[in-house]
Full PDB file with SEQRES, HELIX, SHEET, SSBOND, CRYST1, ORIGX, SCALE, CONECT and MASTER records, all heavy atoms in Angstrom:
SEQRES   1 A   45  SER MET LEU ALA GLY ASN MET GLY SER LYS GLU ARG MET          
SEQRES   2 A   45  GLU TYR THR VAL VAL GLY ASP THR VAL ASN MET ALA SER          
SEQRES   3 A   45  ARG LEU CYS GLY ILE THR ASN GLY GLY GLN ILE VAL MET          
SEQRES   4 A   45  SER ARG GLU MET TYR MET                                      
HELIX    1 AA1 ASP A   20  ILE A   31  1                                  12    
HELIX    2 AA2 ARG A   41  TYR A   44  1                                   4    
SHEET    1 AA1 2 LEU A   3  GLY A   8  0                                        
SHEET    2 AA1 2 MET A  13  VAL A  18 -1                                        
CRYST1    1.000    1.000    1.000  90.00  90.00  90.00 P 1           1          
ORIGX1      1.000000  0.000000  0.000000        0.00000                         
ORIGX2      0.000000  1.000000  0.000000        0.00000                         
ORIGX3      0.000000  0.000000  1.000000        0.00000                         
SCALE1      1.000000  0.000000  0.000000        0.00000                         
SCALE2      0.000000  1.000000  0.000000        0.00000                         
SCALE3      0.000000  0.000000  1.000000        0.00000                         
ATOM      1  N   SER A   1       0.850  -1.197   0.005  1.00  0.00           N  
ATOM      2  CA  SER A   1      -0.003   0.021  -0.009  1.00  0.00           C  
ATOM      3  C   SER A   1       0.894   1.262  -0.004  1.00  0.00           C  
ATOM      4  O   SER A   1       1.930   1.276   0.602  1.00  0.00           O  
ATOM      5  CB  SER A   1      -0.895   0.038   1.232  1.00  0.00           C  
ATOM      6  OG  SER A   1      -1.780  -1.086   1.225  1.00  0.00           O  
ATOM      7  N   MET A   2       0.381   2.235  -0.698  1.00  0.00           N  
ATOM      8  CA  MET A   2       1.053   3.549  -0.707  1.00  0.00           C  
ATOM      9  C   MET A   2       0.024   4.618  -1.023  1.00  0.00           C  
ATOM     10  O   MET A   2      -1.050   4.325  -1.518  1.00  0.00           O  
ATOM     11  CB  MET A   2       2.179   3.557  -1.722  1.00  0.00           C  
ATOM     12  CG  MET A   2       1.784   3.302  -3.124  1.00  0.00           C  
ATOM     13  SD  MET A   2       3.191   3.114  -4.189  1.00  0.00           S  
ATOM     14  CE  MET A   2       2.847   1.476  -4.851  1.00  0.00           C  
ATOM     15  N   LEU A   3       0.373   5.829  -0.754  1.00  0.00           N  
ATOM     16  CA  LEU A   3      -0.477   6.958  -1.097  1.00  0.00           C  
ATOM     17  C   LEU A   3      -0.079   7.449  -2.485  1.00  0.00           C  
ATOM     18  O   LEU A   3       1.119   7.768  -2.699  1.00  0.00           O  
ATOM     19  CB  LEU A   3      -0.326   8.052  -0.054  1.00  0.00           C  
ATOM     20  CG  LEU A   3      -1.151   9.325  -0.274  1.00  0.00           C  
ATOM     21  CD1 LEU A   3      -2.639   9.043  -0.251  1.00  0.00           C  
ATOM     22  CD2 LEU A   3      -0.794  10.352   0.806  1.00  0.00           C  
ATOM     23  N   ALA A   4      -1.024   7.564  -3.370  1.00  0.00           N  
ATOM     24  CA  ALA A   4      -0.788   8.020  -4.743  1.00  0.00           C  
ATOM     25  C   ALA A   4      -1.664   9.255  -5.015  1.00  0.00           C  
ATOM     26  O   ALA A   4      -2.824   9.261  -4.623  1.00  0.00           O  
ATOM     27  CB  ALA A   4      -1.081   6.931  -5.750  1.00  0.00           C  
ATOM     28  N   GLY A   5      -1.068  10.245  -5.630  1.00  0.00           N  
ATOM     29  CA  GLY A   5      -1.866  11.422  -5.960  1.00  0.00           C  
ATOM     30  C   GLY A   5      -1.029  12.588  -6.328  1.00  0.00           C  
ATOM     31  O   GLY A   5       0.236  12.517  -6.384  1.00  0.00           O  
ATOM     32  N   ASN A   6      -1.674  13.729  -6.596  1.00  0.00           N  
ATOM     33  CA  ASN A   6      -0.976  14.915  -6.919  1.00  0.00           C  
ATOM     34  C   ASN A   6      -0.507  15.577  -5.627  1.00  0.00           C  
ATOM     35  O   ASN A   6      -1.266  15.818  -4.697  1.00  0.00           O  
ATOM     36  CB  ASN A   6      -1.862  15.892  -7.669  1.00  0.00           C  
ATOM     37  CG  ASN A   6      -2.173  15.352  -9.051  1.00  0.00           C  
ATOM     38  OD1 ASN A   6      -1.339  14.766  -9.728  1.00  0.00           O  
ATOM     39  ND2 ASN A   6      -3.434  15.528  -9.478  1.00  0.00           N  
ATOM     40  N   MET A   7       0.838  15.846  -5.567  1.00  0.00           N  
ATOM     41  CA  MET A   7       1.430  16.439  -4.372  1.00  0.00           C  
ATOM     42  C   MET A   7       2.330  17.577  -4.792  1.00  0.00           C  
ATOM     43  O   MET A   7       2.920  17.522  -5.868  1.00  0.00           O  
ATOM     44  CB  MET A   7       2.190  15.384  -3.618  1.00  0.00           C  
ATOM     45  CG  MET A   7       1.305  14.238  -3.063  1.00  0.00           C  
ATOM     46  SD  MET A   7       2.304  13.005  -2.271  1.00  0.00           S  
ATOM     47  CE  MET A   7       1.191  11.608  -2.595  1.00  0.00           C  
ATOM     48  N   GLY A   8       2.460  18.506  -3.906  1.00  0.00           N  
ATOM     49  CA  GLY A   8       3.349  19.622  -4.156  1.00  0.00           C  
ATOM     50  C   GLY A   8       2.770  20.878  -3.607  1.00  0.00           C  
ATOM     51  O   GLY A   8       2.142  20.905  -2.527  1.00  0.00           O  
ATOM     52  N   SER A   9       2.986  21.972  -4.363  1.00  0.00           N  
ATOM     53  CA  SER A   9       2.487  23.305  -3.944  1.00  0.00           C  
ATOM     54  C   SER A   9       1.554  23.868  -5.013  1.00  0.00           C  
ATOM     55  O   SER A   9       1.424  23.254  -6.106  1.00  0.00           O  
ATOM     56  CB  SER A   9       3.672  24.199  -3.731  1.00  0.00           C  
ATOM     57  OG  SER A   9       4.312  24.486  -4.970  1.00  0.00           O  
ATOM     58  N   LYS A  10       0.997  25.027  -4.755  1.00  0.00           N  
ATOM     59  CA  LYS A  10       0.153  25.664  -5.740  1.00  0.00           C  
ATOM     60  C   LYS A  10       0.926  25.972  -7.006  1.00  0.00           C  
ATOM     61  O   LYS A  10       0.418  25.915  -8.101  1.00  0.00           O  
ATOM     62  CB  LYS A  10      -0.441  26.978  -5.210  1.00  0.00           C  
ATOM     63  CG  LYS A  10      -1.556  26.741  -4.197  1.00  0.00           C  
ATOM     64  CD  LYS A  10      -2.272  28.006  -3.858  1.00  0.00           C  
ATOM     65  CE  LYS A  10      -1.431  28.918  -2.997  1.00  0.00           C  
ATOM     66  NZ  LYS A  10      -2.125  30.121  -2.525  1.00  0.00           N  
ATOM     67  N   GLU A  11       2.247  26.239  -6.847  1.00  0.00           N  
ATOM     68  CA  GLU A  11       3.087  26.571  -7.989  1.00  0.00           C  
ATOM     69  C   GLU A  11       3.509  25.352  -8.812  1.00  0.00           C  
ATOM     70  O   GLU A  11       3.752  25.473 -10.000  1.00  0.00           O  
ATOM     71  CB  GLU A  11       4.307  27.337  -7.546  1.00  0.00           C  
ATOM     72  CG  GLU A  11       4.063  28.718  -7.055  1.00  0.00           C  
ATOM     73  CD  GLU A  11       3.511  28.726  -5.621  1.00  0.00           C  
ATOM     74  OE1 GLU A  11       3.714  27.766  -4.867  1.00  0.00           O  
ATOM     75  OE2 GLU A  11       2.851  29.739  -5.269  1.00  0.00           O  
ATOM     76  N   ARG A  12       3.574  24.194  -8.147  1.00  0.00           N  
ATOM     77  CA  ARG A  12       4.058  23.003  -8.873  1.00  0.00           C  
ATOM     78  C   ARG A  12       3.480  21.727  -8.218  1.00  0.00           C  
ATOM     79  O   ARG A  12       3.853  21.432  -7.101  1.00  0.00           O  
ATOM     80  CB  ARG A  12       5.582  22.971  -8.886  1.00  0.00           C  
ATOM     81  CG  ARG A  12       6.089  21.766  -9.659  1.00  0.00           C  
ATOM     82  CD  ARG A  12       7.559  21.814  -9.824  1.00  0.00           C  
ATOM     83  NE  ARG A  12       7.985  20.547 -10.432  1.00  0.00           N  
ATOM     84  CZ  ARG A  12       9.206  20.181 -10.589  1.00  0.00           C  
ATOM     85  NH1 ARG A  12      10.190  20.972 -10.160  1.00  0.00           N  
ATOM     86  NH2 ARG A  12       9.545  19.049 -11.143  1.00  0.00           N  
ATOM     87  N   MET A  13       2.694  21.042  -8.973  1.00  0.00           N  
ATOM     88  CA  MET A  13       2.106  19.753  -8.508  1.00  0.00           C  
ATOM     89  C   MET A  13       2.670  18.642  -9.408  1.00  0.00           C  
ATOM     90  O   MET A  13       2.887  18.839 -10.589  1.00  0.00           O  
ATOM     91  CB  MET A  13       0.605  19.754  -8.662  1.00  0.00           C  
ATOM     92  CG  MET A  13      -0.138  20.540  -7.661  1.00  0.00           C  
ATOM     93  SD  MET A  13      -0.231  19.523  -6.152  1.00  0.00           S  
ATOM     94  CE  MET A  13      -1.190  20.572  -5.158  1.00  0.00           C  
ATOM     95  N   GLU A  14       2.866  17.504  -8.781  1.00  0.00           N  
ATOM     96  CA  GLU A  14       3.287  16.278  -9.508  1.00  0.00           C  
ATOM     97  C   GLU A  14       2.522  15.093  -9.001  1.00  0.00           C  
ATOM     98  O   GLU A  14       2.299  14.980  -7.780  1.00  0.00           O  
ATOM     99  CB  GLU A  14       4.769  16.061  -9.312  1.00  0.00           C  
ATOM    100  CG  GLU A  14       5.723  17.012  -9.987  1.00  0.00           C  
ATOM    101  CD  GLU A  14       7.133  16.634  -9.815  1.00  0.00           C  
ATOM    102  OE1 GLU A  14       7.426  15.685  -9.078  1.00  0.00           O  
ATOM    103  OE2 GLU A  14       8.001  17.295 -10.436  1.00  0.00           O  
ATOM    104  N   TYR A  15       2.205  14.195  -9.879  1.00  0.00           N  
ATOM    105  CA  TYR A  15       1.626  12.934  -9.476  1.00  0.00           C  
ATOM    106  C   TYR A  15       2.791  12.061  -8.980  1.00  0.00           C  
ATOM    107  O   TYR A  15       3.807  11.948  -9.640  1.00  0.00           O  
ATOM    108  CB  TYR A  15       0.934  12.216 -10.645  1.00  0.00           C  
ATOM    109  CG  TYR A  15       0.350  10.900 -10.261  1.00  0.00           C  
ATOM    110  CD1 TYR A  15      -0.914  10.852  -9.703  1.00  0.00           C  
ATOM    111  CD2 TYR A  15       1.047   9.688 -10.395  1.00  0.00           C  
ATOM    112  CE1 TYR A  15      -1.495   9.606  -9.343  1.00  0.00           C  
ATOM    113  CE2 TYR A  15       0.513   8.491 -10.034  1.00  0.00           C  
ATOM    114  CZ  TYR A  15      -0.758   8.454  -9.470  1.00  0.00           C  
ATOM    115  OH  TYR A  15      -1.316   7.222  -9.065  1.00  0.00           O  
ATOM    116  N   THR A  16       2.624  11.474  -7.787  1.00  0.00           N  
ATOM    117  CA  THR A  16       3.694  10.625  -7.238  1.00  0.00           C  
ATOM    118  C   THR A  16       3.115   9.677  -6.205  1.00  0.00           C  
ATOM    119  O   THR A  16       1.890   9.707  -5.958  1.00  0.00           O  
ATOM    120  CB  THR A  16       4.779  11.493  -6.606  1.00  0.00           C  
ATOM    121  OG1 THR A  16       5.926  10.724  -6.330  1.00  0.00           O  
ATOM    122  CG2 THR A  16       4.341  12.225  -5.340  1.00  0.00           C  
ATOM    123  N   VAL A  17       3.921   8.849  -5.663  1.00  0.00           N  
ATOM    124  CA  VAL A  17       3.556   7.944  -4.582  1.00  0.00           C  
ATOM    125  C   VAL A  17       4.480   8.141  -3.389  1.00  0.00           C  
ATOM    126  O   VAL A  17       5.660   8.457  -3.557  1.00  0.00           O  
ATOM    127  CB  VAL A  17       3.580   6.456  -5.018  1.00  0.00           C  
ATOM    128  CG1 VAL A  17       2.510   6.217  -6.131  1.00  0.00           C  
ATOM    129  CG2 VAL A  17       4.930   6.056  -5.626  1.00  0.00           C  
ATOM    130  N   VAL A  18       3.956   7.950  -2.203  1.00  0.00           N  
ATOM    131  CA  VAL A  18       4.712   8.074  -0.974  1.00  0.00           C  
ATOM    132  C   VAL A  18       4.272   7.004   0.021  1.00  0.00           C  
ATOM    133  O   VAL A  18       3.175   6.446  -0.073  1.00  0.00           O  
ATOM    134  CB  VAL A  18       4.618   9.473  -0.336  1.00  0.00           C  
ATOM    135  CG1 VAL A  18       5.172  10.549  -1.218  1.00  0.00           C  
ATOM    136  CG2 VAL A  18       3.181   9.795   0.005  1.00  0.00           C  
ATOM    137  N   GLY A  19       5.155   6.703   0.950  1.00  0.00           N  
ATOM    138  CA  GLY A  19       4.831   5.764   2.037  1.00  0.00           C  
ATOM    139  C   GLY A  19       5.916   4.799   2.294  1.00  0.00           C  
ATOM    140  O   GLY A  19       6.974   4.821   1.627  1.00  0.00           O  
ATOM    141  N   ASP A  20       5.741   3.946   3.293  1.00  0.00           N  
ATOM    142  CA  ASP A  20       6.747   2.961   3.709  1.00  0.00           C  
ATOM    143  C   ASP A  20       7.088   2.030   2.534  1.00  0.00           C  
ATOM    144  O   ASP A  20       8.283   1.638   2.410  1.00  0.00           O  
ATOM    145  CB  ASP A  20       6.276   2.146   4.882  1.00  0.00           C  
ATOM    146  CG  ASP A  20       6.244   2.961   6.178  1.00  0.00           C  
ATOM    147  OD1 ASP A  20       6.890   4.046   6.232  1.00  0.00           O  
ATOM    148  OD2 ASP A  20       5.561   2.552   7.132  1.00  0.00           O  
ATOM    149  N   THR A  21       6.136   1.671   1.712  1.00  0.00           N  
ATOM    150  CA  THR A  21       6.399   0.786   0.580  1.00  0.00           C  
ATOM    151  C   THR A  21       7.409   1.399  -0.382  1.00  0.00           C  
ATOM    152  O   THR A  21       8.331   0.747  -0.831  1.00  0.00           O  
ATOM    153  CB  THR A  21       5.091   0.470  -0.195  1.00  0.00           C  
ATOM    154  OG1 THR A  21       4.217  -0.140   0.757  1.00  0.00           O  
ATOM    155  CG2 THR A  21       5.324  -0.359  -1.383  1.00  0.00           C  
ATOM    156  N   VAL A  22       7.249   2.675  -0.617  1.00  0.00           N  
ATOM    157  CA  VAL A  22       8.147   3.431  -1.535  1.00  0.00           C  
ATOM    158  C   VAL A  22       9.549   3.552  -0.913  1.00  0.00           C  
ATOM    159  O   VAL A  22      10.578   3.345  -1.557  1.00  0.00           O  
ATOM    160  CB  VAL A  22       7.569   4.823  -1.883  1.00  0.00           C  
ATOM    161  CG1 VAL A  22       8.500   5.593  -2.801  1.00  0.00           C  
ATOM    162  CG2 VAL A  22       6.211   4.673  -2.481  1.00  0.00           C  
ATOM    163  N   ASN A  23       9.553   3.889   0.395  1.00  0.00           N  
ATOM    164  CA  ASN A  23      10.874   3.974   1.106  1.00  0.00           C  
ATOM    165  C   ASN A  23      11.640   2.687   1.084  1.00  0.00           C  
ATOM    166  O   ASN A  23      12.849   2.651   0.887  1.00  0.00           O  
ATOM    167  CB  ASN A  23      10.634   4.443   2.540  1.00  0.00           C  
ATOM    168  CG  ASN A  23      10.061   5.832   2.614  1.00  0.00           C  
ATOM    169  OD1 ASN A  23      10.167   6.613   1.674  1.00  0.00           O  
ATOM    170  ND2 ASN A  23       9.474   6.192   3.730  1.00  0.00           N  
ATOM    171  N   MET A  24      10.888   1.577   1.236  1.00  0.00           N  
ATOM    172  CA  MET A  24      11.517   0.259   1.242  1.00  0.00           C  
ATOM    173  C   MET A  24      12.164  -0.006  -0.139  1.00  0.00           C  
ATOM    174  O   MET A  24      13.319  -0.512  -0.203  1.00  0.00           O  
ATOM    175  CB  MET A  24      10.553  -0.836   1.584  1.00  0.00           C  
ATOM    176  CG  MET A  24      11.062  -2.207   1.414  1.00  0.00           C  
ATOM    177  SD  MET A  24      12.252  -2.734   2.630  1.00  0.00           S  
ATOM    178  CE  MET A  24      11.088  -3.096   3.929  1.00  0.00           C  
ATOM    179  N   ALA A  25      11.496   0.263  -1.172  1.00  0.00           N  
ATOM    180  CA  ALA A  25      12.031   0.046  -2.533  1.00  0.00           C  
ATOM    181  C   ALA A  25      13.325   0.853  -2.721  1.00  0.00           C  
ATOM    182  O   ALA A  25      14.307   0.322  -3.230  1.00  0.00           O  
ATOM    183  CB  ALA A  25      11.024   0.408  -3.612  1.00  0.00           C  
ATOM    184  N   SER A  26      13.325   2.076  -2.245  1.00  0.00           N  
ATOM    185  CA  SER A  26      14.520   2.890  -2.369  1.00  0.00           C  
ATOM    186  C   SER A  26      15.670   2.359  -1.571  1.00  0.00           C  
ATOM    187  O   SER A  26      16.814   2.298  -2.056  1.00  0.00           O  
ATOM    188  CB  SER A  26      14.174   4.345  -1.883  1.00  0.00           C  
ATOM    189  OG  SER A  26      15.328   5.144  -1.908  1.00  0.00           O  
ATOM    190  N   ARG A  27      15.384   1.866  -0.367  1.00  0.00           N  
ATOM    191  CA  ARG A  27      16.440   1.280   0.420  1.00  0.00           C  
ATOM    192  C   ARG A  27      16.979  -0.031  -0.122  1.00  0.00           C  
ATOM    193  O   ARG A  27      18.170  -0.303  -0.067  1.00  0.00           O  
ATOM    194  CB  ARG A  27      15.933   1.126   1.849  1.00  0.00           C  
ATOM    195  CG  ARG A  27      15.813   2.447   2.578  1.00  0.00           C  
ATOM    196  CD  ARG A  27      15.481   2.328   4.070  1.00  0.00           C  
ATOM    197  NE  ARG A  27      15.510   3.646   4.668  1.00  0.00           N  
ATOM    198  CZ  ARG A  27      14.469   4.403   4.849  1.00  0.00           C  
ATOM    199  NH1 ARG A  27      13.262   4.036   4.390  1.00  0.00           N  
ATOM    200  NH2 ARG A  27      14.576   5.575   5.455  1.00  0.00           N  
ATOM    201  N   LEU A  28      16.080  -0.806  -0.715  1.00  0.00           N  
ATOM    202  CA  LEU A  28      16.543  -2.044  -1.362  1.00  0.00           C  
ATOM    203  C   LEU A  28      17.451  -1.725  -2.548  1.00  0.00           C  
ATOM    204  O   LEU A  28      18.391  -2.419  -2.775  1.00  0.00           O  
ATOM    205  CB  LEU A  28      15.333  -2.875  -1.816  1.00  0.00           C  
ATOM    206  CG  LEU A  28      14.464  -3.511  -0.693  1.00  0.00           C  
ATOM    207  CD1 LEU A  28      13.286  -4.220  -1.282  1.00  0.00           C  
ATOM    208  CD2 LEU A  28      15.328  -4.410   0.164  1.00  0.00           C  
ATOM    209  N   CYS A  29      17.125  -0.692  -3.289  1.00  0.00           N  
ATOM    210  CA  CYS A  29      18.020  -0.290  -4.363  1.00  0.00           C  
ATOM    211  C   CYS A  29      19.415   0.080  -3.831  1.00  0.00           C  
ATOM    212  O   CYS A  29      20.381  -0.249  -4.453  1.00  0.00           O  
ATOM    213  CB  CYS A  29      17.431   0.946  -5.109  1.00  0.00           C  
ATOM    214  SG  CYS A  29      18.252   1.297  -6.621  1.00  0.00           S  
ATOM    215  N   GLY A  30      19.440   0.687  -2.640  1.00  0.00           N  
ATOM    216  CA  GLY A  30      20.684   1.054  -2.049  1.00  0.00           C  
ATOM    217  C   GLY A  30      21.584  -0.118  -1.668  1.00  0.00           C  
ATOM    218  O   GLY A  30      22.807   0.070  -1.592  1.00  0.00           O  
ATOM    219  N   ILE A  31      21.025  -1.281  -1.374  1.00  0.00           N  
ATOM    220  CA  ILE A  31      21.829  -2.402  -0.980  1.00  0.00           C  
ATOM    221  C   ILE A  31      22.144  -3.331  -2.163  1.00  0.00           C  
ATOM    222  O   ILE A  31      22.799  -4.322  -1.992  1.00  0.00           O  
ATOM    223  CB  ILE A  31      21.153  -3.233   0.164  1.00  0.00           C  
ATOM    224  CG1 ILE A  31      19.803  -3.804  -0.269  1.00  0.00           C  
ATOM    225  CG2 ILE A  31      21.023  -2.399   1.410  1.00  0.00           C  
ATOM    226  CD1 ILE A  31      19.783  -5.311  -0.288  1.00  0.00           C  
ATOM    227  N   THR A  32      21.666  -2.972  -3.337  1.00  0.00           N  
ATOM    228  CA  THR A  32      21.827  -3.803  -4.493  1.00  0.00           C  
ATOM    229  C   THR A  32      23.119  -3.473  -5.191  1.00  0.00           C  
ATOM    230  O   THR A  32      23.552  -2.370  -5.275  1.00  0.00           O  
ATOM    231  CB  THR A  32      20.625  -3.529  -5.455  1.00  0.00           C  
ATOM    232  OG1 THR A  32      19.392  -3.741  -4.742  1.00  0.00           O  
ATOM    233  CG2 THR A  32      20.664  -4.404  -6.686  1.00  0.00           C  
ATOM    234  N   ASN A  33      23.741  -4.521  -5.752  1.00  0.00           N  
ATOM    235  CA  ASN A  33      24.938  -4.356  -6.555  1.00  0.00           C  
ATOM    236  C   ASN A  33      24.547  -4.050  -8.020  1.00  0.00           C  
ATOM    237  O   ASN A  33      23.442  -4.480  -8.461  1.00  0.00           O  
ATOM    238  CB  ASN A  33      25.817  -5.578  -6.535  1.00  0.00           C  
ATOM    239  CG  ASN A  33      26.382  -5.812  -5.125  1.00  0.00           C  
ATOM    240  OD1 ASN A  33      26.856  -4.867  -4.465  1.00  0.00           O  
ATOM    241  ND2 ASN A  33      26.332  -7.044  -4.685  1.00  0.00           N  
ATOM    242  N   GLY A  34      25.358  -3.428  -8.755  1.00  0.00           N  
ATOM    243  CA  GLY A  34      25.081  -3.109 -10.152  1.00  0.00           C  
ATOM    244  C   GLY A  34      24.714  -4.351 -10.932  1.00  0.00           C  
ATOM    245  O   GLY A  34      25.389  -5.370 -10.852  1.00  0.00           O  
ATOM    246  N   GLY A  35      23.626  -4.277 -11.685  1.00  0.00           N  
ATOM    247  CA  GLY A  35      23.174  -5.413 -12.491  1.00  0.00           C  
ATOM    248  C   GLY A  35      22.214  -6.343 -11.761  1.00  0.00           C  
ATOM    249  O   GLY A  35      21.671  -7.284 -12.372  1.00  0.00           O  
ATOM    250  N   GLN A  36      21.992  -6.095 -10.494  1.00  0.00           N  
ATOM    251  CA  GLN A  36      21.070  -6.970  -9.706  1.00  0.00           C  
ATOM    252  C   GLN A  36      19.689  -6.331  -9.611  1.00  0.00           C  
ATOM    253  O   GLN A  36      19.501  -5.144  -9.663  1.00  0.00           O  
ATOM    254  CB  GLN A  36      21.618  -7.161  -8.302  1.00  0.00           C  
ATOM    255  CG  GLN A  36      22.813  -8.050  -8.214  1.00  0.00           C  
ATOM    256  CD  GLN A  36      23.231  -8.253  -6.743  1.00  0.00           C  
ATOM    257  OE1 GLN A  36      23.108  -7.325  -5.912  1.00  0.00           O  
ATOM    258  NE2 GLN A  36      23.771  -9.410  -6.432  1.00  0.00           N  
ATOM    259  N   ILE A  37      18.708  -7.194  -9.417  1.00  0.00           N  
ATOM    260  CA  ILE A  37      17.332  -6.806  -9.127  1.00  0.00           C  
ATOM    261  C   ILE A  37      16.959  -7.448  -7.800  1.00  0.00           C  
ATOM    262  O   ILE A  37      16.892  -8.690  -7.687  1.00  0.00           O  
ATOM    263  CB  ILE A  37      16.353  -7.297 -10.203  1.00  0.00           C  
ATOM    264  CG1 ILE A  37      16.789  -6.792 -11.590  1.00  0.00           C  
ATOM    265  CG2 ILE A  37      14.940  -6.880  -9.879  1.00  0.00           C  
ATOM    266  CD1 ILE A  37      16.062  -7.462 -12.778  1.00  0.00           C  
ATOM    267  N   VAL A  38      16.831  -6.624  -6.755  1.00  0.00           N  
ATOM    268  CA  VAL A  38      16.513  -7.139  -5.433  1.00  0.00           C  
ATOM    269  C   VAL A  38      15.062  -6.732  -5.086  1.00  0.00           C  
ATOM    270  O   VAL A  38      14.639  -5.607  -5.332  1.00  0.00           O  
ATOM    271  CB  VAL A  38      17.474  -6.559  -4.355  1.00  0.00           C  
ATOM    272  CG1 VAL A  38      17.055  -6.910  -2.980  1.00  0.00           C  
ATOM    273  CG2 VAL A  38      18.899  -7.050  -4.613  1.00  0.00           C  
ATOM    274  N   MET A  39      14.322  -7.694  -4.575  1.00  0.00           N  
ATOM    275  CA  MET A  39      12.941  -7.424  -4.208  1.00  0.00           C  
ATOM    276  C   MET A  39      12.671  -7.848  -2.748  1.00  0.00           C  
ATOM    277  O   MET A  39      13.420  -8.700  -2.203  1.00  0.00           O  
ATOM    278  CB  MET A  39      11.977  -8.141  -5.146  1.00  0.00           C  
ATOM    279  CG  MET A  39      11.966  -9.644  -4.986  1.00  0.00           C  
ATOM    280  SD  MET A  39      10.871 -10.401  -6.132  1.00  0.00           S  
ATOM    281  CE  MET A  39      12.002 -11.516  -6.948  1.00  0.00           C  
ATOM    282  N   SER A  40      11.652  -7.310  -2.194  1.00  0.00           N  
ATOM    283  CA  SER A  40      11.234  -7.650  -0.839  1.00  0.00           C  
ATOM    284  C   SER A  40      10.586  -9.041  -0.802  1.00  0.00           C  
ATOM    285  O   SER A  40      10.106  -9.520  -1.863  1.00  0.00           O  
ATOM    286  CB  SER A  40      10.248  -6.631  -0.331  1.00  0.00           C  
ATOM    287  OG  SER A  40       9.012  -6.673  -1.057  1.00  0.00           O  
ATOM    288  N   ARG A  41      10.520  -9.603   0.346  1.00  0.00           N  
ATOM    289  CA  ARG A  41       9.805 -10.881   0.523  1.00  0.00           C  
ATOM    290  C   ARG A  41       8.324 -10.780   0.133  1.00  0.00           C  
ATOM    291  O   ARG A  41       7.776 -11.670  -0.464  1.00  0.00           O  
ATOM    292  CB  ARG A  41       9.950 -11.383   1.937  1.00  0.00           C  
ATOM    293  CG  ARG A  41       9.255 -12.683   2.212  1.00  0.00           C  
ATOM    294  CD  ARG A  41       9.534 -13.141   3.694  1.00  0.00           C  
ATOM    295  NE  ARG A  41       8.894 -14.399   3.932  1.00  0.00           N  
ATOM    296  CZ  ARG A  41       9.325 -15.582   3.524  1.00  0.00           C  
ATOM    297  NH1 ARG A  41      10.482 -15.629   2.816  1.00  0.00           N  
ATOM    298  NH2 ARG A  41       8.700 -16.695   3.797  1.00  0.00           N  
ATOM    299  N   GLU A  42       7.734  -9.602   0.468  1.00  0.00           N  
ATOM    300  CA  GLU A  42       6.315  -9.394   0.163  1.00  0.00           C  
ATOM    301  C   GLU A  42       6.106  -9.473  -1.379  1.00  0.00           C  
ATOM    302  O   GLU A  42       5.095 -10.020  -1.817  1.00  0.00           O  
ATOM    303  CB  GLU A  42       5.865  -8.021   0.678  1.00  0.00           C  
ATOM    304  CG  GLU A  42       5.751  -7.948   2.172  1.00  0.00           C  
ATOM    305  CD  GLU A  42       7.082  -7.887   2.905  1.00  0.00           C  
ATOM    306  OE1 GLU A  42       8.106  -7.479   2.305  1.00  0.00           O  
ATOM    307  OE2 GLU A  42       7.103  -8.281   4.082  1.00  0.00           O  
ATOM    308  N   MET A  43       7.006  -8.942  -2.117  1.00  0.00           N  
ATOM    309  CA  MET A  43       6.899  -8.999  -3.551  1.00  0.00           C  
ATOM    310  C   MET A  43       7.053 -10.411  -4.072  1.00  0.00           C  
ATOM    311  O   MET A  43       6.243 -10.879  -4.882  1.00  0.00           O  
ATOM    312  CB  MET A  43       7.905  -8.043  -4.220  1.00  0.00           C  
ATOM    313  CG  MET A  43       7.635  -7.818  -5.677  1.00  0.00           C  
ATOM    314  SD  MET A  43       8.391  -6.242  -6.139  1.00  0.00           S  
ATOM    315  CE  MET A  43       7.647  -6.057  -7.740  1.00  0.00           C  
ATOM    316  N   TYR A  44       8.040 -11.136  -3.580  1.00  0.00           N  
ATOM    317  CA  TYR A  44       8.277 -12.489  -3.916  1.00  0.00           C  
ATOM    318  C   TYR A  44       7.066 -13.375  -3.562  1.00  0.00           C  
ATOM    319  O   TYR A  44       6.718 -14.266  -4.304  1.00  0.00           O  
ATOM    320  CB  TYR A  44       9.552 -13.029  -3.220  1.00  0.00           C  
ATOM    321  CG  TYR A  44       9.845 -14.473  -3.484  1.00  0.00           C  
ATOM    322  CD1 TYR A  44      10.339 -14.879  -4.708  1.00  0.00           C  
ATOM    323  CD2 TYR A  44       9.595 -15.435  -2.493  1.00  0.00           C  
ATOM    324  CE1 TYR A  44      10.595 -16.235  -4.926  1.00  0.00           C  
ATOM    325  CE2 TYR A  44       9.846 -16.778  -2.708  1.00  0.00           C  
ATOM    326  CZ  TYR A  44      10.371 -17.155  -3.934  1.00  0.00           C  
ATOM    327  OH  TYR A  44      10.643 -18.475  -4.181  1.00  0.00           O  
ATOM    328  N   MET A  45       6.422 -13.123  -2.474  1.00  0.00           N  
ATOM    329  CA  MET A  45       5.316 -13.932  -1.973  1.00  0.00           C  
ATOM    330  C   MET A  45       3.991 -13.563  -2.532  1.00  0.00           C  
ATOM    331  O   MET A  45       2.962 -14.176  -2.221  1.00  0.00           O  
ATOM    332  CB  MET A  45       5.219 -13.864  -0.421  1.00  0.00           C  
ATOM    333  CG  MET A  45       6.486 -14.414   0.253  1.00  0.00           C  
ATOM    334  SD  MET A  45       6.791 -16.167  -0.077  1.00  0.00           S  
ATOM    335  CE  MET A  45       5.532 -16.914   0.922  1.00  0.00           C  
TER     336      MET A  45                                                      
MASTER        0    0    0    2    2    0    0    6  335    1    0    4          
END                                                                             
């Protein structure tokens, strides 16, 4: 689950997603070596 929608300010809005799910994906990317695809157990299951 994540929050999806238009976020930003009156001057600039963007469609994006936020939440723990998004943060986890970013952190998994950080522990990955070049050329690898790492996924969470939740994704695998």
